[in-house]
Amino acid sequence: MEKAVMQNAGVNLYENYFESCADSANVLQCYRYPSSEVMCPASKVSFSIESNPKIAVAYSHCKYQLREGNVTCPFMWDI
């Protein structure tokens, strides 16, 4: 048991290992919910890296109990 505890204590989980590396990010494309009237959070994101790459997003409605019969379908984008 002591050996297992010592192995788990061998790595400092709270140490900053990459302090010398500069943070960087590049936004190449932005995909938005097609309706400008309603903002819906994404509930599931999936992607395909085959010959024709795609991103598929399923959206959820915060007030789904109040929605009438019009259900929004998930959207797919070619990337």
C-alpha atoms as a PDB file:
ATOM      1  CA  MET A   1       0.000   0.000   0.000  1.00  0.00           C
ATOM      2  CA  GLU A   2       2.797   2.430   0.880  1.00  0.00           C
ATOM      3  CA  LYS A   3       4.382   1.925  -2.559  1.00  0.00           C
ATOM      4  CA  ALA A   4       1.129   2.948  -4.313  1.00  0.00           C
ATOM      5  CA  VAL A   5       0.781   6.064  -2.142  1.00  0.00           C
ATOM      6  CA  MET A   6       4.376   7.101  -2.848  1.00  0.00           C
ATOM      7  CA  GLN A   7       3.874   6.657  -6.613  1.00  0.00           C
ATOM      8  CA  ASN A   8       0.796   8.891  -6.555  1.00  0.00           C
ATOM      9  CA  ALA A   9       2.698  11.524  -4.575  1.00  0.00           C
ATOM     10  CA  GLY A  10       5.528  11.502  -7.133  1.00  0.00           C
ATOM     11  CA  VAL A  11       3.866  14.127  -9.378  1.00  0.00           C
ATOM     12  CA  ASN A  12       3.016  17.590  -8.104  1.00  0.00           C
ATOM     13  CA  LEU A  13      -0.468  18.169  -9.541  1.00  0.00           C
ATOM     14  CA  TYR A  14      -0.424  21.865  -8.674  1.00  0.00           C
ATOM     15  CA  GLU A  15       2.925  22.738 -10.249  1.00  0.00           C
ATOM     16  CA  ASN A  16       2.897  24.949 -13.343  1.00  0.00           C
ATOM     17  CA  TYR A  17       4.922  22.894 -15.797  1.00  0.00           C
ATOM     18  CA  PHE A  18       4.678  25.246 -18.789  1.00  0.00           C
ATOM     19  CA  GLU A  19       5.185  28.718 -17.294  1.00  0.00           C
ATOM     20  CA  SER A  20       7.908  29.581 -19.809  1.00  0.00           C
ATOM     21  CA  CYS A  21       5.622  28.861 -22.791  1.00  0.00           C
ATOM     22  CA  ALA A  22       3.606  31.795 -24.099  1.00  0.00           C
ATOM     23  CA  ASP A  23      -0.162  31.366 -24.389  1.00  0.00           C
ATOM     24  CA  SER A  24      -1.450  31.542 -27.934  1.00  0.00           C
ATOM     25  CA  ALA A  25      -4.659  30.830 -29.804  1.00  0.00           C
ATOM     26  CA  ASN A  26      -5.813  31.471 -33.348  1.00  0.00           C
ATOM     27  CA  VAL A  27      -9.480  31.620 -34.350  1.00  0.00           C
ATOM     28  CA  LEU A  28      -9.726  30.460 -37.939  1.00  0.00           C
ATOM     29  CA  GLN A  29     -13.491  30.113 -38.336  1.00  0.00           C
ATOM     30  CA  CYS A  30     -16.539  30.782 -36.207  1.00  0.00           C
ATOM     31  CA  TYR A  31     -19.725  28.722 -36.518  1.00  0.00           C
ATOM     32  CA  ARG A  32     -22.846  30.266 -34.998  1.00  0.00           C
ATOM     33  CA  TYR A  33     -26.420  29.204 -34.379  1.00  0.00           C
ATOM     34  CA  PRO A  34     -28.266  30.222 -37.583  1.00  0.00           C
ATOM     35  CA  SER A  35     -31.076  32.135 -35.839  1.00  0.00           C
ATOM     36  CA  SER A  36     -30.137  35.663 -34.793  1.00  0.00           C
ATOM     37  CA  GLU A  37     -33.283  35.954 -32.632  1.00  0.00           C
ATOM     38  CA  VAL A  38     -32.582  33.094 -30.221  1.00  0.00           C
ATOM     39  CA  MET A  39     -29.333  32.123 -28.509  1.00  0.00           C
ATOM     40  CA  CYS A  40     -29.212  28.396 -27.748  1.00  0.00           C
ATOM     41  CA  PRO A  41     -26.389  26.636 -25.913  1.00  0.00           C
ATOM     42  CA  ALA A  42     -24.721  23.688 -27.636  1.00  0.00           C
ATOM     43  CA  SER A  43     -25.401  20.420 -25.833  1.00  0.00           C
ATOM     44  CA  LYS A  44     -23.264  18.105 -27.996  1.00  0.00           C
ATOM     45  CA  VAL A  45     -20.469  18.734 -30.507  1.00  0.00           C
ATOM     46  CA  SER A  46     -19.139  16.026 -32.797  1.00  0.00           C
ATOM     47  CA  PHE A  47     -16.749  16.098 -35.727  1.00  0.00           C
ATOM     48  CA  SER A  48     -15.557  13.902 -38.567  1.00  0.00           C
ATOM     49  CA  ILE A  49     -12.033  13.998 -40.019  1.00  0.00           C
ATOM     50  CA  GLU A  50     -12.715  11.869 -43.077  1.00  0.00           C
ATOM     51  CA  SER A  51     -12.229  13.051 -46.676  1.00  0.00           C
ATOM     52  CA  ASN A  52     -15.089  15.570 -46.300  1.00  0.00           C
ATOM     53  CA  PRO A  53     -14.660  16.890 -42.715  1.00  0.00           C
ATOM     54  CA  LYS A  54     -17.782  18.094 -40.905  1.00  0.00           C
ATOM     55  CA  ILE A  55     -18.818  19.493 -37.537  1.00  0.00           C
ATOM     56  CA  ALA A  56     -22.222  18.507 -36.122  1.00  0.00           C
ATOM     57  CA  VAL A  57     -23.795  20.444 -33.245  1.00  0.00           C
ATOM     58  CA  ALA A  58     -26.945  19.631 -31.276  1.00  0.00           C
ATOM     59  CA  TYR A  59     -28.476  22.597 -29.482  1.00  0.00           C
ATOM     60  CA  SER A  60     -30.613  22.661 -26.357  1.00  0.00           C
ATOM     61  CA  HIS A  61     -33.218  25.173 -25.295  1.00  0.00           C
ATOM     62  CA  CYS A  62     -33.074  26.573 -21.774  1.00  0.00           C
ATOM     63  CA  LYS A  63     -36.871  26.776 -21.573  1.00  0.00           C
ATOM     64  CA  TYR A  64     -37.776  23.618 -23.446  1.00  0.00           C
ATOM     65  CA  GLN A  65     -40.987  23.111 -21.462  1.00  0.00           C
ATOM     66  CA  LEU A  66     -42.352  26.402 -22.809  1.00  0.00           C
ATOM     67  CA  ARG A  67     -41.585  25.628 -26.451  1.00  0.00           C
ATOM     68  CA  GLU A  68     -44.471  24.799 -28.711  1.00  0.00           C
ATOM     69  CA  GLY A  69     -44.241  22.108 -31.385  1.00  0.00           C
ATOM     70  CA  ASN A  70     -41.332  23.622 -33.353  1.00  0.00           C
ATOM     71  CA  VAL A  71     -38.241  21.598 -32.464  1.00  0.00           C
ATOM     72  CA  THR A  72     -34.909  22.769 -33.836  1.00  0.00           C
ATOM     73  CA  CYS A  73     -32.854  20.141 -35.629  1.00  0.00           C
ATOM     74  CA  PRO A  74     -29.121  19.782 -35.132  1.00  0.00           C
ATOM     75  CA  PHE A  75     -26.889  21.567 -37.623  1.00  0.00           C
ATOM     76  CA  MET A  76     -23.930  20.308 -39.671  1.00  0.00           C
ATOM     77  CA  TRP A  77     -21.193  22.421 -41.250  1.00  0.00           C
ATOM     78  CA  ASP A  78     -18.543  21.494 -43.818  1.00  0.00           C
ATOM     79  CA  ILE A  79     -15.119  22.551 -42.620  1.00  0.00           C
END
